Amino acid sequence: MIEINGSSLTLEQTSAVADGEKVSLNPTAIDGIDRARKFVEAIVAGGDVVYGINTGFGKLADVTIPAHRLRELQVNLVRSHSCGVGEPLSERVVRAMMLQRANVLAKGFSGCRELVVNTLIRMLNEGVHPRIPSRGSVGASGDLAPLAHLALVAIGEGDATYRGKLMSGSEAMTRAGIPPLVLEAKEGLALLNGTQAMTSVGGLALLAAERLAEAADVTGAMTLEALKGTPVAFDEKIQAVRPHAGQTASARRLRQLIENSEIRESHRDHSIDPRVQDAYAIRCMPQVHGAVRDAIAHTKRILEIEINSATDNPLIFPEAGEILSGGNFHGEPVALALDYAAIAVADLGTISERRVERLVNPDLSGLPAFLTPHPGTNSGMMIAQVAAVSLIAENNVLAHPASVTNLPTSANKEDHVSMGMTSALKFTQVVKNVEVILAIELMCAAQGLEFLKPLRPGPLLTEVYNRVRDRVPALEQDAPLSGYIESLVDLVGDLS
């Protein structure tokens, strides 16, 4: 069970809950939640006018709401902001959103009751998953529309899936035995203000990207073997004089993957193979793969700060006796980081595709054209490289940063927005595309090894080769490749 306290949630824990792990609230968080809530209740009882508690929102902040209409205000906020469009987010992403929002509320600066946090936790544990459209957030005032659809089910409205069936939110909550929330002052806003849509979409994609960075070393090493490349460029001394952490780690892994290779030993002698150095797509793998690793690590640090931060507005500071309006809901840190990650992972696909080209091109590989024993009557892996190129073209568009775009909203009150959810969504697609590109390289590299038999790569790559052959046979004749490529995508995610 994953225990939340508002301060220590990780992306790995988020992924575990997305996959079905149960959740609980750490008892130490309850005092902070209660103190903030009592402070809000004192404001309401005293009649002071405070934004977000007894006023309208955004451009309507100067409209004071009487006490007897505060519940209506919160419900109307949730209903009016449930304006998402497009295909729904996956169940995994929705679960991640619910967890991260509960974690932020557990931090104790939002002014909601403990009941609100526990309702989200019960929904997670009982499998009530709001149907949340993927489009509609500009990432400032947070991810308002996606989080509104989450809150809509918590109050017994909207649509949800329960045990795999789509139904009304009311029915889902009833079947799960969870009483819908009756929102009190500030609680609707507490549920809506935040960056949890972009951090859940982006965070889950980032964990997949971490696995791709590991997989790229494997597919690249197998390509090097098939091309009879040299691992000299991975020497530890070279990395030591340019000690980027990612480069060092990638070079170390590449050296391990090539260890005890019969193929390497067969062409170590320069009288047999006079080549001094390989093309950049082979030689510079530590530098390129390593830079991607570093970009992913940087993005992960940003996201893990964000998922443990108070990101709504206003924030409640009972010890200081203050309720302060600010801008922690602004998604710019996340948007910039995810745009950076999208650029980095896209480049991981670019260098992989260049290695695929070297494998299938007989002028570069020294192998049969397009990796078929019978070129001419067979086209072999020709169109596999074409498919990779098509994904590169798509990634080139998706790698354009969303965070540099600004379109003011809310009657120009919210005049600079992050577009962080767009950054997260397109980053997710970049990751999916690169998974396929690396699967194509893995398929081609394994096919290339067929022409070097009886020589074998090192033990680690031999194991990978055998796992490929469990899914894809060595191709003597042309066959449809789509199914083979798809069968390797899961393997790519498991090469770490």
Foldseek 3Di string as FASTA:
>chain_A
DAEAQLAFDALVVLQVLLVQDAYDYDPVLQVLQVLLQVLLVVCLVVVDQDFQFQFADQVRRVHGHHQVCQLVRLVVQLVVLLDADAAWDDSSLQSSLLVLLLNLSSNRWQNFHPLVSVLSSLCSNQVWGFGFHLDDALQFLARQNRLSSVLQLLQQAHWTDGPRDIDGSNVNCVVSVHHRDSDHGRVSQSSRRAHSSLLSLQSVLLLLLLLLLLLLLLLLLLLCLLLLFDLPLLDQVNCVVVPQPLLVVSSVVSVVQQPPFLSNVVPVDCVRPVDDHDDCLNNVSSVLSSVLNVLSVVLSVLSSVRSSHNGHPQTGDSVVSDTDGDTSSACQSNLVSLLSNLLSLLVSLVSLLVSLCQLQPCVRRVAPHLLEPDPPQANHCVCLSVLSVVLSVVSVVLSPRPQVDWDADSVCSRGGHRSSSSSSVSSSVSSVSSLLSSLSSNVSSLSSVVVVPPGGGDPLSVVVSVVLCVQDPNDNHDDDCPRSSVVCSVVSSVSD
